[in-house]
C-alpha cells in the first residue's frame, strides 16, 4: 500500500505521464502510420514539457498566460466603465 503523500502525484506510464496512454489506446484501436507518428509526437511533447519542470496542466496554463498576456481586466470591454472628466473647477 502506498504512502498518503504519494496520492497527489501524477500517475506515470513507464517514464511518461499517464495521459499518453489515451493516445496509445487510440493507436492500438487504429493502427496506421499517422497514428503512430501522432503517438510518438505527443510522447515527445510530454517528455519535453517535463524536462522544463512542468507537468502538463501547468504547461497549458503557462502557454495560455503567454497568449493572453499579463494584464487581464476583470470585466469584458463592453462592461468596463472609464473615468469621465467633467472639467469641474473650484468656485473660488
PDB file of N, CA and C in Angstrom:
ATOM      1  N   UNK A   1       0.846  -1.180   0.000  1.00  0.00           N
ATOM      2  CA  UNK A   1       0.000   0.000   0.000  1.00  0.00           C
ATOM      3  C   UNK A   1       0.889   1.239   0.000  1.00  0.00           C
ATOM      4  N   UNK A   2       0.534   2.198  -0.822  1.00  0.00           N
ATOM      5  CA  UNK A   2       1.332   3.410  -0.943  1.00  0.00           C
ATOM      6  C   UNK A   2       1.141   4.350   0.229  1.00  0.00           C
ATOM      7  N   UNK A   3       2.066   5.240   0.355  1.00  0.00           N
ATOM      8  CA  UNK A   3       2.007   6.232   1.415  1.00  0.00           C
ATOM      9  C   UNK A   3       1.049   7.349   1.018  1.00  0.00           C
ATOM     10  N   UNK A   4       0.460   8.043   2.006  1.00  0.00           N
ATOM     11  CA  UNK A   4      -0.555   9.050   1.713  1.00  0.00           C
ATOM     12  C   UNK A   4       0.019  10.231   0.938  1.00  0.00           C
ATOM     13  N   UNK A   5       1.299  10.527   1.084  1.00  0.00           N
ATOM     14  CA  UNK A   5       1.849  11.695   0.391  1.00  0.00           C
ATOM     15  C   UNK A   5       2.053  11.442  -1.101  1.00  0.00           C
ATOM     16  N   UNK A   6       1.966  10.198  -1.536  1.00  0.00           N
ATOM     17  CA  UNK A   6       2.075   9.876  -2.956  1.00  0.00           C
ATOM     18  C   UNK A   6       0.737   9.979  -3.674  1.00  0.00           C
ATOM     19  N   UNK A   7      -0.335  10.305  -2.982  1.00  0.00           N
ATOM     20  CA  UNK A   7      -1.647  10.350  -3.613  1.00  0.00           C
ATOM     21  C   UNK A   7      -1.804  11.548  -4.536  1.00  0.00           C
ATOM     22  N   UNK A   8      -1.042  12.600  -4.373  1.00  0.00           N
ATOM     23  CA  UNK A   8      -1.178  13.780  -5.214  1.00  0.00           C
ATOM     24  C   UNK A   8      -0.289  13.713  -6.447  1.00  0.00           C
ATOM     25  N   UNK A   9       0.603  12.780  -6.511  1.00  0.00           N
ATOM     26  CA  UNK A   9       1.495  12.667  -7.665  1.00  0.00           C
ATOM     27  C   UNK A   9       0.714  12.250  -8.906  1.00  0.00           C
ATOM     28  N   UNK A  10       1.202  12.735 -10.033  1.00  0.00           N
ATOM     29  CA  UNK A  10       0.563  12.370 -11.300  1.00  0.00           C
ATOM     30  C   UNK A  10       0.876  10.913 -11.622  1.00  0.00           C
ATOM     31  N   UNK A  11      -0.093  10.183 -12.134  1.00  0.00           N
ATOM     32  CA  UNK A  11       0.190   8.790 -12.494  1.00  0.00           C
ATOM     33  C   UNK A  11       1.171   8.714 -13.660  1.00  0.00           C
ATOM     34  N   UNK A  12       1.996   7.705 -13.657  1.00  0.00           N
ATOM     35  CA  UNK A  12       3.045   7.557 -14.665  1.00  0.00           C
ATOM     36  C   UNK A  12       2.787   6.296 -15.490  1.00  0.00           C
ATOM     37  N   UNK A  13       3.136   6.372 -16.763  1.00  0.00           N
ATOM     38  CA  UNK A  13       3.118   5.213 -17.654  1.00  0.00           C
ATOM     39  C   UNK A  13       4.549   5.007 -18.094  1.00  0.00           C
ATOM     40  N   UNK A  14       5.237   4.112 -17.441  1.00  0.00           N
ATOM     41  CA  UNK A  14       6.681   3.923 -17.563  1.00  0.00           C
ATOM     42  C   UNK A  14       7.386   5.241 -17.233  1.00  0.00           C
ATOM     43  N   UNK A  15       7.964   5.940 -18.182  1.00  0.00           N
ATOM     44  CA  UNK A  15       8.684   7.171 -17.865  1.00  0.00           C
ATOM     45  C   UNK A  15       7.867   8.415 -18.209  1.00  0.00           C
ATOM     46  N   UNK A  16       6.690   8.253 -18.817  1.00  0.00           N
ATOM     47  CA  UNK A  16       5.890   9.398 -19.255  1.00  0.00           C
ATOM     48  C   UNK A  16       4.655   9.559 -18.391  1.00  0.00           C
ATOM     49  N   UNK A  17       4.003  10.701 -18.583  1.00  0.00           N
ATOM     50  CA  UNK A  17       2.738  10.969 -17.917  1.00  0.00           C
ATOM     51  C   UNK A  17       1.692   9.964 -18.404  1.00  0.00           C
ATOM     52  N   UNK A  18       0.762   9.605 -17.549  1.00  0.00           N
ATOM     53  CA  UNK A  18      -0.226   8.586 -17.907  1.00  0.00           C
ATOM     54  C   UNK A  18      -1.220   9.083 -18.950  1.00  0.00           C
ATOM     55  N   UNK A  19      -1.259  10.366 -19.222  1.00  0.00           N
ATOM     56  CA  UNK A  19      -2.167  10.878 -20.250  1.00  0.00           C
ATOM     57  C   UNK A  19      -1.763  10.414 -21.648  1.00  0.00           C
ATOM     58  N   UNK A  20      -0.537   9.974 -21.804  1.00  0.00           N
ATOM     59  CA  UNK A  20      -0.084   9.427 -23.083  1.00  0.00           C
ATOM     60  C   UNK A  20      -0.801   8.113 -23.376  1.00  0.00           C
ATOM     61  N   UNK A  21      -1.280   7.433 -22.349  1.00  0.00           N
ATOM     62  CA  UNK A  21      -1.945   6.145 -22.563  1.00  0.00           C
ATOM     63  C   UNK A  21      -3.234   6.292 -23.366  1.00  0.00           C
ATOM     64  N   UNK A  22      -3.892   7.452 -23.330  1.00  0.00           N
ATOM     65  CA  UNK A  22      -5.075   7.666 -24.166  1.00  0.00           C
ATOM     66  C   UNK A  22      -4.699   7.616 -25.646  1.00  0.00           C
ATOM     67  N   UNK A  23      -3.584   8.212 -25.983  1.00  0.00           N
ATOM     68  CA  UNK A  23      -3.130   8.187 -27.365  1.00  0.00           C
ATOM     69  C   UNK A  23      -2.599   6.802 -27.743  1.00  0.00           C
ATOM     70  N   UNK A  24      -2.036   6.096 -26.773  1.00  0.00           N
ATOM     71  CA  UNK A  24      -1.619   4.721 -27.025  1.00  0.00           C
ATOM     72  C   UNK A  24      -2.829   3.846 -27.310  1.00  0.00           C
ATOM     73  N   UNK A  25      -3.894   4.044 -26.568  1.00  0.00           N
ATOM     74  CA  UNK A  25      -5.127   3.307 -26.817  1.00  0.00           C
ATOM     75  C   UNK A  25      -5.684   3.645 -28.195  1.00  0.00           C
ATOM     76  N   UNK A  26      -5.641   4.927 -28.568  1.00  0.00           N
ATOM     77  CA  UNK A  26      -6.080   5.312 -29.903  1.00  0.00           C
ATOM     78  C   UNK A  26      -5.252   4.652 -30.981  1.00  0.00           C
ATOM     79  N   UNK A  27      -3.959   4.522 -30.754  1.00  0.00           N
ATOM     80  CA  UNK A  27      -3.099   3.848 -31.719  1.00  0.00           C
ATOM     81  C   UNK A  27      -3.417   2.357 -31.785  1.00  0.00           C
ATOM     82  N   UNK A  28      -3.671   1.744 -30.641  1.00  0.00           N
ATOM     83  CA  UNK A  28      -3.965   0.315 -30.641  1.00  0.00           C
ATOM     84  C   UNK A  28      -5.295   0.008 -31.303  1.00  0.00           C
ATOM     85  N   UNK A  29      -6.243   0.942 -31.243  1.00  0.00           N
ATOM     86  CA  UNK A  29      -7.536   0.729 -31.896  1.00  0.00           C
ATOM     87  C   UNK A  29      -7.492   1.035 -33.386  1.00  0.00           C
ATOM     88  N   UNK A  30      -6.560   1.892 -33.807  1.00  0.00           N
ATOM     89  CA  UNK A  30      -6.484   2.295 -35.215  1.00  0.00           C
ATOM     90  C   UNK A  30      -5.016   2.334 -35.621  1.00  0.00           C
ATOM     91  N   UNK A  31      -4.460   1.174 -35.916  1.00  0.00           N
ATOM     92  CA  UNK A  31      -3.032   1.080 -36.217  1.00  0.00           C
ATOM     93  C   UNK A  31      -2.745   1.538 -37.642  1.00  0.00           C
ATOM     94  N   UNK A  32      -2.273   2.746 -37.734  1.00  0.00           N
ATOM     95  CA  UNK A  32      -1.828   3.313 -39.002  1.00  0.00           C
ATOM     96  C   UNK A  32      -0.532   4.049 -38.728  1.00  0.00           C
ATOM     97  N   UNK A  33       0.176   4.372 -39.790  1.00  0.00           N
ATOM     98  CA  UNK A  33       1.449   5.061 -39.622  1.00  0.00           C
ATOM     99  C   UNK A  33       1.229   6.452 -39.040  1.00  0.00           C
ATOM    100  N   UNK A  34       0.170   7.154 -39.462  1.00  0.00           N
ATOM    101  CA  UNK A  34      -0.038   8.516 -38.972  1.00  0.00           C
ATOM    102  C   UNK A  34      -0.437   8.525 -37.502  1.00  0.00           C
ATOM    103  N   UNK A  35      -1.170   7.485 -37.017  1.00  0.00           N
ATOM    104  CA  UNK A  35      -1.485   7.458 -35.588  1.00  0.00           C
ATOM    105  C   UNK A  35      -0.246   7.106 -34.769  1.00  0.00           C
ATOM    106  N   UNK A  36       0.640   6.290 -35.348  1.00  0.00           N
ATOM    107  CA  UNK A  36       1.898   6.000 -34.662  1.00  0.00           C
ATOM    108  C   UNK A  36       2.760   7.252 -34.566  1.00  0.00           C
ATOM    109  N   UNK A  37       2.832   8.018 -35.653  1.00  0.00           N
ATOM    110  CA  UNK A  37       3.600   9.265 -35.635  1.00  0.00           C
ATOM    111  C   UNK A  37       2.985  10.274 -34.662  1.00  0.00           C
ATOM    112  N   UNK A  38       1.653  10.305 -34.598  1.00  0.00           N
ATOM    113  CA  UNK A  38       0.977  11.184 -33.640  1.00  0.00           C
ATOM    114  C   UNK A  38       1.294  10.764 -32.208  1.00  0.00           C
ATOM    115  N   UNK A  39       1.294   9.460 -31.951  1.00  0.00           N
ATOM    116  CA  UNK A  39       1.646   8.950 -30.629  1.00  0.00           C
ATOM    117  C   UNK A  39       3.075   9.321 -30.254  1.00  0.00           C
ATOM    118  N   UNK A  40       4.012   9.154 -31.181  1.00  0.00           N
ATOM    119  CA  UNK A  40       5.407   9.498 -30.909  1.00  0.00           C
ATOM    120  C   UNK A  40       5.556  10.999 -30.683  1.00  0.00           C
ATOM    121  N   UNK A  41       4.879  11.818 -31.504  1.00  0.00           N
ATOM    122  CA  UNK A  41       4.980  13.272 -31.351  1.00  0.00           C
ATOM    123  C   UNK A  41       4.419  13.725 -30.011  1.00  0.00           C
ATOM    124  N   UNK A  42       3.315  13.159 -29.591  1.00  0.00           N
ATOM    125  CA  UNK A  42       2.720  13.550 -28.310  1.00  0.00           C
ATOM    126  C   UNK A  42       3.577  13.060 -27.149  1.00  0.00           C
ATOM    127  N   UNK A  43       4.155  11.866 -27.260  1.00  0.00           N
ATOM    128  CA  UNK A  43       5.042  11.368 -26.206  1.00  0.00           C
ATOM    129  C   UNK A  43       6.281  12.250 -26.087  1.00  0.00           C
ATOM    130  N   UNK A  44       6.835  12.678 -27.223  1.00  0.00           N
ATOM    131  CA  UNK A  44       7.995  13.586 -27.186  1.00  0.00           C
ATOM    132  C   UNK A  44       7.593  14.932 -26.598  1.00  0.00           C
ATOM    133  N   UNK A  45       6.405  15.418 -26.944  1.00  0.00           N
ATOM    134  CA  UNK A  45       5.916  16.687 -26.380  1.00  0.00           C
ATOM    135  C   UNK A  45       5.776  16.602 -24.872  1.00  0.00           C
ATOM    136  N   UNK A  46       5.187  15.513 -24.372  1.00  0.00           N
ATOM    137  CA  UNK A  46       5.048  15.341 -22.921  1.00  0.00           C
ATOM    138  C   UNK A  46       6.416  15.245 -22.251  1.00  0.00           C
ATOM    139  N   UNK A  47       7.347  14.528 -22.867  1.00  0.00           N
ATOM    140  CA  UNK A  47       8.694  14.401 -22.300  1.00  0.00           C
ATOM    141  C   UNK A  47       9.403  15.756 -22.296  1.00  0.00           C
ATOM    142  N   UNK A  48       9.258  16.502 -23.378  1.00  0.00           N
ATOM    143  CA  UNK A  48       9.885  17.815 -23.493  1.00  0.00           C
ATOM    144  C   UNK A  48       9.340  18.777 -22.445  1.00  0.00           C
ATOM    145  N   UNK A  49       8.037  18.750 -22.219  1.00  0.00           N
ATOM    146  CA  UNK A  49       7.413  19.616 -21.214  1.00  0.00           C
ATOM    147  C   UNK A  49       7.932  19.254 -19.826  1.00  0.00           C
ATOM    148  N   UNK A  50       8.061  17.974 -19.552  1.00  0.00           N
ATOM    149  CA  UNK A  50       8.543  17.551 -18.235  1.00  0.00           C
ATOM    150  C   UNK A  50      10.014  17.875 -18.021  1.00  0.00           C
ATOM    151  N   UNK A  51      10.784  17.961 -19.089  1.00  0.00           N
ATOM    152  CA  UNK A  51      12.195  18.333 -18.960  1.00  0.00           C
ATOM    153  C   UNK A  51      12.358  19.762 -18.467  1.00  0.00           C
ATOM    154  N   UNK A  52      11.372  20.636 -18.742  1.00  0.00           N
ATOM    155  CA  UNK A  52      11.409  22.010 -18.264  1.00  0.00           C
ATOM    156  C   UNK A  52      10.854  22.146 -16.853  1.00  0.00           C
ATOM    157  N   UNK A  53      10.453  21.051 -16.235  1.00  0.00           N
ATOM    158  CA  UNK A  53       9.999  21.080 -14.853  1.00  0.00           C
ATOM    159  C   UNK A  53       8.509  21.310 -14.688  1.00  0.00           C
ATOM    160  N   UNK A  54       7.748  21.230 -15.759  1.00  0.00           N
ATOM    161  CA  UNK A  54       6.302  21.409 -15.683  1.00  0.00           C
ATOM    162  C   UNK A  54       5.618  20.049 -15.738  1.00  0.00           C
ATOM    163  N   UNK A  55       4.434  19.980 -15.127  1.00  0.00           N
ATOM    164  CA  UNK A  55       3.564  18.887 -15.518  1.00  0.00           C
ATOM    165  C   UNK A  55       2.648  19.437 -16.611  1.00  0.00           C
ATOM    166  N   UNK A  56       1.894  18.587 -17.261  1.00  0.00           N
ATOM    167  CA  UNK A  56       1.221  19.033 -18.471  1.00  0.00           C
ATOM    168  C   UNK A  56       0.149  20.098 -18.215  1.00  0.00           C
ATOM    169  N   UNK A  57      -0.685  20.007 -17.164  1.00  0.00           N
ATOM    170  CA  UNK A  57      -1.651  21.093 -16.917  1.00  0.00           C
ATOM    171  C   UNK A  57      -0.967  22.437 -16.628  1.00  0.00           C
ATOM    172  N   UNK A  58       0.161  22.416 -15.940  1.00  0.00           N
ATOM    173  CA  UNK A  58       0.890  23.664 -15.679  1.00  0.00           C
ATOM    174  C   UNK A  58       1.464  24.248 -16.962  1.00  0.00           C
ATOM    175  N   UNK A  59       1.901  23.393 -17.861  1.00  0.00           N
ATOM    176  CA  UNK A  59       2.420  23.869 -19.149  1.00  0.00           C
ATOM    177  C   UNK A  59       1.310  24.502 -19.978  1.00  0.00           C
ATOM    178  N   UNK A  60       0.124  23.925 -19.947  1.00  0.00           N
ATOM    179  CA  UNK A  60      -1.017  24.505 -20.661  1.00  0.00           C
ATOM    180  C   UNK A  60      -1.353  25.879 -20.097  1.00  0.00           C
ATOM    181  N   UNK A  61      -1.323  26.005 -18.766  1.00  0.00           N
ATOM    182  CA  UNK A  61      -1.586  27.310 -18.148  1.00  0.00           C
ATOM    183  C   UNK A  61      -0.504  28.322 -18.505  1.00  0.00           C
ATOM    184  N   UNK A  62       0.749  27.895 -18.571  1.00  0.00           N
ATOM    185  CA  UNK A  62       1.846  28.801 -18.932  1.00  0.00           C
ATOM    186  C   UNK A  62       1.709  29.279 -20.380  1.00  0.00           C
ATOM    187  N   UNK A  63       1.306  28.393 -21.282  1.00  0.00           N
ATOM    188  CA  UNK A  63       1.090  28.792 -22.675  1.00  0.00           C
ATOM    189  C   UNK A  63      -0.075  29.763 -22.771  1.00  0.00           C
ATOM    190  N   UNK A  64      -1.129  29.493 -22.020  1.00  0.00           N
ATOM    191  CA  UNK A  64      -2.280  30.401 -22.011  1.00  0.00           C
ATOM    192  C   UNK A  64      -1.893  31.774 -21.473  1.00  0.00           C
ATOM    193  N   UNK A  65      -1.045  31.828 -20.466  1.00  0.00           N
ATOM    194  CA  UNK A  65      -0.586  33.102 -19.925  1.00  0.00           C
ATOM    195  C   UNK A  65       0.213  33.874 -20.958  1.00  0.00           C
ATOM    196  N   UNK A  66       1.056  33.184 -21.717  1.00  0.00           N
ATOM    197  CA  UNK A  66       1.842  33.857 -22.761  1.00  0.00           C
ATOM    198  C   UNK A  66       0.947  34.387 -23.876  1.00  0.00           C
ATOM    199  N   UNK A  67      -0.099  33.658 -24.215  1.00  0.00           N
ATOM    200  CA  UNK A  67      -1.000  34.098 -25.278  1.00  0.00           C
ATOM    201  C   UNK A  67      -1.881  35.263 -24.849  1.00  0.00           C
ATOM    202  N   UNK A  68      -2.375  35.226 -23.620  1.00  0.00           N
ATOM    203  CA  UNK A  68      -3.303  36.244 -23.142  1.00  0.00           C
ATOM    204  C   UNK A  68      -2.562  37.499 -22.701  1.00  0.00           C
ATOM    205  N   UNK A  69      -1.452  37.346 -22.023  1.00  0.00           N
ATOM    206  CA  UNK A  69      -0.694  38.482 -21.536  1.00  0.00           C
ATOM    207  C   UNK A  69      -0.846  38.642 -20.037  1.00  0.00           C
ATOM    208  N   UNK A  70      -0.153  39.608 -19.511  1.00  0.00           N
ATOM    209  CA  UNK A  70      -0.149  39.803 -18.061  1.00  0.00           C
ATOM    210  C   UNK A  70      -1.346  40.590 -17.557  1.00  0.00           C
ATOM    211  N   UNK A  71      -1.871  41.503 -18.365  1.00  0.00           N
ATOM    212  CA  UNK A  71      -2.979  42.351 -17.927  1.00  0.00           C
ATOM    213  C   UNK A  71      -4.280  41.705 -18.377  1.00  0.00           C
ATOM    214  N   UNK A  72      -5.067  41.294 -17.409  1.00  0.00           N
ATOM    215  CA  UNK A  72      -6.365  40.711 -17.703  1.00  0.00           C
ATOM    216  C   UNK A  72      -7.411  41.470 -16.906  1.00  0.00           C
ATOM    217  N   UNK A  73      -8.218  42.289 -17.563  1.00  0.00           N
ATOM    218  CA  UNK A  73      -9.230  43.047 -16.834  1.00  0.00           C
ATOM    219  C   UNK A  73     -10.306  42.126 -16.259  1.00  0.00           C
ATOM    220  N   UNK A  74     -10.889  42.516 -15.134  1.00  0.00           N
ATOM    221  CA  UNK A  74     -11.898  41.651 -14.513  1.00  0.00           C
ATOM    222  C   UNK A  74     -13.216  41.631 -15.279  1.00  0.00           C
ATOM    223  N   UNK A  75     -13.458  42.640 -16.098  1.00  0.00           N
ATOM    224  CA  UNK A  75     -14.701  42.712 -16.862  1.00  0.00           C
ATOM    225  C   UNK A  75     -14.391  42.735 -18.350  1.00  0.00           C
ATOM    226  N   UNK A  76     -15.397  42.417 -19.152  1.00  0.00           N
ATOM    227  CA  UNK A  76     -15.206  42.496 -20.592  1.00  0.00           C
ATOM    228  C   UNK A  76     -15.180  43.960 -21.026  1.00  0.00           C
ATOM    229  N   UNK A  77     -14.782  44.198 -22.273  1.00  0.00           N
ATOM    230  CA  UNK A  77     -14.632  45.565 -22.785  1.00  0.00           C
ATOM    231  C   UNK A  77     -15.968  46.321 -22.770  1.00  0.00           C
ATOM    232  N   UNK A  78     -17.064  45.616 -23.001  1.00  0.00           N
ATOM    233  CA  UNK A  78     -18.377  46.271 -23.022  1.00  0.00           C
ATOM    234  C   UNK A  78     -18.823  46.729 -21.639  1.00  0.00           C
ATOM    235  N   UNK A  79     -18.399  46.017 -20.601  1.00  0.00           N
ATOM    236  CA  UNK A  79     -18.841  46.322 -19.247  1.00  0.00           C
ATOM    237  C   UNK A  79     -17.890  47.239 -18.486  1.00  0.00           C
ATOM    238  N   UNK A  80     -16.757  47.594 -19.072  1.00  0.00           N
ATOM    239  CA  UNK A  80     -15.808  48.477 -18.398  1.00  0.00           C
ATOM    240  C   UNK A  80     -16.359  49.892 -18.331  1.00  0.00           C
ATOM    241  N   UNK A  81     -16.190  50.532 -17.189  1.00  0.00           N
ATOM    242  CA  UNK A  81     -16.613  51.922 -17.010  1.00  0.00           C
ATOM    243  C   UNK A  81     -15.358  52.756 -16.837  1.00  0.00           C
ATOM    244  N   UNK A  82     -15.174  53.675 -17.734  1.00  0.00           N
ATOM    245  CA  UNK A  82     -13.981  54.506 -17.705  1.00  0.00           C
ATOM    246  C   UNK A  82     -14.271  55.835 -17.030  1.00  0.00           C
ATOM    247  N   UNK A  83     -13.231  56.474 -16.523  1.00  0.00           N
ATOM    248  CA  UNK A  83     -13.369  57.738 -15.826  1.00  0.00           C
ATOM    249  C   UNK A  83     -13.792  58.836 -16.802  1.00  0.00           C
ATOM    250  N   UNK A  84     -14.698  59.702 -16.343  1.00  0.00           N
ATOM    251  CA  UNK A  84     -15.184  60.811 -17.163  1.00  0.00           C
ATOM    252  C   UNK A  84     -14.733  62.104 -16.504  1.00  0.00           C
ATOM    253  N   UNK A  85     -14.151  62.983 -17.276  1.00  0.00           N
ATOM    254  CA  UNK A  85     -13.703  64.273 -16.765  1.00  0.00           C
ATOM    255  C   UNK A  85     -14.781  65.304 -17.064  1.00  0.00           C
ATOM    256  N   UNK A  86     -15.431  65.810 -16.000  1.00  0.00           N
ATOM    257  CA  UNK A  86     -16.478  66.807 -16.171  1.00  0.00           C
ATOM    258  C   UNK A  86     -15.929  68.229 -16.138  1.00  0.00           C
ATOM    259  N   UNK A  87     -14.639  68.357 -16.079  1.00  0.00           N
ATOM    260  CA  UNK A  87     -13.983  69.660 -16.066  1.00  0.00           C
ATOM    261  C   UNK A  87     -14.491  70.519 -14.918  1.00  0.00           C
ATOM    262  N   UNK A  88     -14.550  69.954 -13.745  1.00  0.00           N
ATOM    263  CA  UNK A  88     -15.017  70.699 -12.571  1.00  0.00           C
ATOM    264  C   UNK A  88     -13.862  71.501 -12.004  1.00  0.00           C
ATOM    265  N   UNK A  89     -14.146  72.742 -11.746  1.00  0.00           N
ATOM    266  CA  UNK A  89     -13.153  73.645 -11.162  1.00  0.00           C
ATOM    267  C   UNK A  89     -13.693  74.213  -9.858  1.00  0.00           C
ATOM    268  N   UNK A  90     -12.800  74.602  -8.985  1.00  0.00           N
ATOM    269  CA  UNK A  90     -13.303  75.225  -7.742  1.00  0.00           C
ATOM    270  C   UNK A  90     -13.986  76.552  -8.033  1.00  0.00           C
ATOM    271  N   UNK A  91     -14.955  76.913  -7.224  1.00  0.00           N
ATOM    272  CA  UNK A  91     -15.716  78.158  -7.423  1.00  0.00           C
ATOM    273  C   UNK A  91     -14.867  79.387  -7.114  1.00  0.00           C
ATOM    274  N   UNK A  92     -13.962  79.329  -6.179  1.00  0.00           N
ATOM    275  CA  UNK A  92     -13.167  80.498  -5.812  1.00  0.00           C
ATOM    276  C   UNK A  92     -11.708  80.294  -6.041  1.00  0.00           C
TER     277      UNK A  92
END
